[in-house]
Structure formats: structure tokens, C-alpha cells
Protein backbone atom coordinates (compact mmCIF):
# COMPACT_ATOMS: atom_id res chain seq x y z
CA SER A 1 0.00 0.00 0.00
CA ILE A 2 1.04 3.63 -0.29
CA GLY A 3 1.39 3.81 3.52
CA CYS A 4 3.76 0.81 3.41
CA GLY A 5 5.91 2.28 0.64
CA GLY A 6 4.13 0.59 -2.27
CA GLY A 7 2.34 2.21 -5.18
CA ASP A 8 -1.15 0.79 -4.76
CA CYS A 9 -3.88 1.52 -2.22
CA ASP A 10 -5.07 -2.06 -1.52
CA ASP A 11 -2.45 -4.81 -1.12
CA THR A 12 -5.21 -7.45 -1.08
CA ARG A 13 -6.32 -6.67 -4.65
CA ALA A 14 -4.09 -6.66 -7.72
CA ASP A 15 -6.84 -4.88 -9.70
CA VAL A 16 -6.70 -1.82 -7.42
CA ASN A 17 -3.74 0.45 -8.17
CA PRO A 18 -2.96 3.85 -9.73
CA SER A 19 -2.65 2.40 -13.25
CA MET A 20 -6.21 1.01 -13.22
CA THR A 21 -9.19 2.71 -14.83
CA GLU A 22 -11.88 3.75 -12.33
CA VAL A 23 -15.04 1.66 -12.60
CA CYS A 24 -18.01 3.83 -11.78
CA ASN A 25 -20.49 2.94 -9.00
CA ASN A 26 -18.66 -0.20 -7.83
CA GLY A 27 -17.81 1.30 -4.43
CA VAL A 28 -14.07 0.70 -4.95
CA ASP A 29 -11.34 3.30 -5.46
CA ASP A 30 -9.90 1.34 -8.42
CA ASP A 31 -7.33 3.97 -9.43
CA CYS A 32 -6.30 5.01 -5.90
CA ASP A 33 -7.21 8.68 -6.41
CA GLY A 34 -8.92 8.95 -3.03
CA SER A 35 -12.55 8.19 -3.89
CA PRO A 36 -14.68 5.74 -5.83
CA ALA A 37 -16.18 7.37 -8.92
CA PRO A 38 -19.87 7.78 -9.64
CA CYS A 39 -20.96 7.13 -13.23
CA ARG A 40 -20.88 10.13 -15.50
CA LEU A 41 -21.89 10.17 -19.12
CA SER A 42 -19.37 11.39 -21.61
CA GLY A 43 -18.99 11.58 -25.35
CA GLU A 44 -21.71 11.15 -27.92
CA LEU A 45 -24.47 8.75 -26.90
CA ARG A 46 -27.34 7.29 -28.91
CA ALA A 47 -30.60 5.74 -27.72
CA THR A 48 -29.18 2.33 -28.65
CA ASP A 49 -26.38 2.86 -26.10
CA ALA A 50 -28.83 2.69 -23.18
CA VAL A 51 -28.48 -0.29 -20.83
CA ALA A 52 -32.18 -0.06 -19.90
CA VAL A 53 -35.31 1.29 -21.58
CA ARG A 54 -38.81 1.56 -20.13
CA TRP A 55 -41.71 2.77 -22.24
CA GLY A 56 -45.15 4.14 -21.38
CA GLU A 57 -48.31 2.10 -21.23
CA ASP A 58 -50.49 4.03 -23.66
CA ALA A 59 -50.17 6.38 -26.62
CA TYR A 60 -49.65 10.01 -25.65
CA ASP A 61 -48.78 9.25 -21.99
CA TYR A 62 -45.57 11.25 -22.36
CA ALA A 63 -43.73 8.75 -20.17
CA GLY A 64 -40.33 10.03 -19.17
CA SER A 65 -41.39 13.68 -19.29
CA ALA A 66 -40.10 13.70 -15.72
CA ALA A 67 -37.61 11.23 -14.28
CA ALA A 68 -35.30 10.97 -11.28
CA GLY A 69 -33.03 8.39 -9.72
CA GLY A 70 -29.97 7.84 -7.63
CA ARG A 71 -31.45 7.06 -4.23
CA ASP A 72 -32.29 3.79 -2.50
CA LEU A 73 -36.02 3.60 -1.71
CA ASP A 74 -36.21 0.04 -0.47
CA GLY A 75 -33.03 -0.36 1.58
CA ASP A 76 -31.43 -2.99 -0.68
CA GLY A 77 -28.34 -0.84 -1.38
CA ARG A 78 -29.28 -0.31 -5.03
CA GLU A 79 -30.38 2.93 -6.62
CA ASP A 80 -34.00 3.19 -7.68
CA TRP A 81 -35.81 5.34 -10.20
CA VAL A 82 -39.13 7.17 -10.65
CA SER A 83 -40.66 8.29 -13.96
CA GLY A 84 -43.71 10.45 -14.57
CA ALA A 85 -46.26 10.62 -17.36
CA TYR A 86 -48.47 13.63 -16.75
CA ALA A 87 -50.82 12.95 -19.69
CA HIS A 88 -51.57 9.31 -18.78
CA THR A 89 -55.28 8.59 -18.82
CA GLY A 90 -55.83 6.05 -16.08
CA VAL A 91 -58.49 7.16 -13.62
CA ALA A 92 -59.56 10.03 -15.89
CA ALA A 93 -58.29 12.02 -18.88
CA ASN A 94 -54.81 13.40 -18.13
CA SER A 95 -54.96 12.25 -14.51
CA GLY A 96 -51.29 11.28 -14.85
CA VAL A 97 -49.12 8.63 -13.25
CA ALA A 98 -45.68 8.10 -11.73
CA TRP A 99 -43.94 4.72 -11.79
CA VAL A 100 -41.33 3.59 -9.26
CA LEU A 101 -38.73 1.11 -10.51
CA SER A 102 -36.32 -0.84 -8.33
CA GLY A 103 -32.72 -1.01 -9.49
CA PRO A 104 -30.65 -2.25 -11.05
CA LEU A 105 -32.36 -1.73 -14.38
CA THR A 106 -31.38 -3.53 -17.56
CA GLY A 107 -33.14 -4.54 -20.77
CA SER A 108 -36.39 -3.23 -22.22
CA ALA A 109 -39.88 -3.43 -20.72
CA SER A 110 -43.11 -1.55 -20.27
CA LEU A 111 -43.49 0.73 -17.26
CA ALA A 112 -46.53 -1.43 -16.47
CA SER A 113 -44.00 -3.79 -14.84
CA ALA A 114 -42.87 -1.12 -12.34
CA THR A 115 -42.51 -1.83 -8.62
CA ALA A 116 -45.10 0.84 -7.81
CA ARG A 117 -47.68 2.92 -9.62
CA ILE A 118 -48.88 6.28 -8.29
CA GLU A 119 -51.96 7.39 -10.21
CA GLY A 120 -53.57 10.77 -10.24
CA SER A 121 -57.16 10.82 -9.06
CA GLU A 122 -58.76 13.55 -11.16
CA ALA A 123 -59.07 14.63 -14.78
CA GLY A 124 -56.43 17.18 -15.71
CA GLY A 125 -54.53 16.64 -12.44
CA PHE A 126 -51.29 15.83 -14.32
CA MET A 127 -49.84 13.54 -11.60
CA GLY A 128 -46.21 12.88 -12.49
CA HIS A 129 -45.67 16.30 -14.08
CA THR A 130 -42.62 16.45 -11.82
CA VAL A 131 -40.96 13.63 -9.86
CA ASP A 132 -37.99 13.26 -7.56
CA LEU A 133 -36.30 10.83 -5.20
CA VAL A 134 -35.24 12.75 -2.12
CA GLN A 135 -33.38 12.13 1.09
CA ASP A 136 -35.41 10.80 3.98
CA LEU A 137 -38.23 13.30 4.66
CA SER A 138 -40.32 10.88 6.72
CA GLY A 139 -37.62 9.93 9.25
CA ASP A 140 -37.67 6.18 8.53
CA GLY A 141 -34.10 5.96 7.19
CA LEU A 142 -35.10 5.44 3.54
CA ALA A 143 -35.33 7.85 0.61
CA ASP A 144 -38.78 9.12 -0.33
CA VAL A 145 -40.67 9.78 -3.57
CA VAL A 146 -42.00 13.25 -4.34
CA VAL A 147 -44.56 13.59 -7.14
CA GLY A 148 -46.00 16.85 -8.46
CA ALA A 149 -49.50 17.13 -9.89
CA SER A 150 -49.66 20.59 -11.42
CA GLY A 151 -53.36 20.49 -12.31
CA VAL A 152 -54.87 19.22 -9.04
CA ASP A 153 -57.89 21.29 -8.20
CA ALA A 154 -58.65 21.15 -4.46
CA ASP A 155 -60.84 24.25 -4.34
CA GLY A 156 -61.57 25.32 -7.90
CA ARG A 157 -58.34 27.24 -8.56
CA ASP A 158 -56.08 24.63 -10.23
CA GLU A 159 -53.47 25.26 -7.54
CA GLY A 160 -51.68 21.91 -8.03
CA ALA A 161 -50.22 19.67 -5.34
CA VAL A 162 -47.04 17.91 -4.28
CA TYR A 163 -47.27 14.41 -2.80
CA VAL A 164 -44.60 12.78 -0.61
CA TYR A 165 -44.54 8.97 -0.36
CA ALA A 166 -42.32 7.38 2.30
CA GLY A 167 -39.98 4.67 0.99
CA PRO A 168 -40.20 1.85 0.28
CA VAL A 169 -42.91 2.56 -2.27
CA THR A 170 -44.57 -0.54 -3.73
CA GLY A 171 -47.94 -1.48 -5.17
CA ASP A 172 -50.67 0.79 -6.50
CA HIS A 173 -51.51 4.22 -5.09
CA THR A 174 -54.33 6.54 -6.20
């Protein structure tokens, strides 16, 4: 190790040393620069370069109009993801929906296979217009899901609403 006069930072692993390329999100400081690297996109990417694709359930849902990830909602140590489709017509026209997906994600599938489904409850409510995974707001030690519904009409003024769901988020919610 460096502290013992060597050039690497982990004498127990030959694949960890300053000449190695950092592997993102593996929790190991592969190149001994002081920290493990998160994944960052670089260069020119095409849709076919994606390691995972999820598509909406119905035409004109606008799935993916809002998306967020990078937090662990279920405590399994893996990052999860939430995607919104404000124009989804489930309960009513443009009631909207947000889908929660448990990581890791690979391959292609419909968002209908998501871990959780958060549906708007009124026409024009636009649930899923905005989505986010946030640090623990509920105090239970897990990340939480925040979903915006910009067209919710509680008292006739289209004031909108923000909903917070404590992690883990599974099943159907309306």
C-alpha cells in the first residue's frame, strides 16, 4: 500500500492500483485517487447505447417527461428510479401517473411492470408532471418519492399539489 511504501492503495487486490481505470459505481477506489467514482456520461451517446429502456403504457402518456433516480427507496443498497407521465389517462383524462422502478435496471420493458404505480385521481390533475427521489423526509431511514401534480384542483383554482410517499414505495396508489 502507499502507507507501506508501495504504489497501490489495496495490497489485497491486484486490480486496485494507480494504473487502473476507475469503474463507476462499484464502491471501490480502483485507481487510488482517493474516492470511488460515480458514473458520468461522456462523449456522444445514442438511444441504442442505453443499458435499460422503459416505455409508457399508452399512446400520448408522455412517459419520461419527468424522471429521477440515484437514491435507494427500499433499503437494498441499489439505486431506484421514478418516472412520470403527466398525460396518462388512467383514472380520468390526463390524470397522470408516476412509476417507481427498483434497481438495477437492464433490458427493455413496459413501465406497467414497475414496482409501484402512483396514479392521479382527477381529470387534468397531471400527476407525475414532476418527480424526484429525495433524502429521507419521513424519518424512517429510507429515501422518499415526491410527485408533483400541477393540475390538481382542491378548491376550484387549479393550484396543483405535491405528494410525498415514504420509501419503500410498492404497489398501486391513487
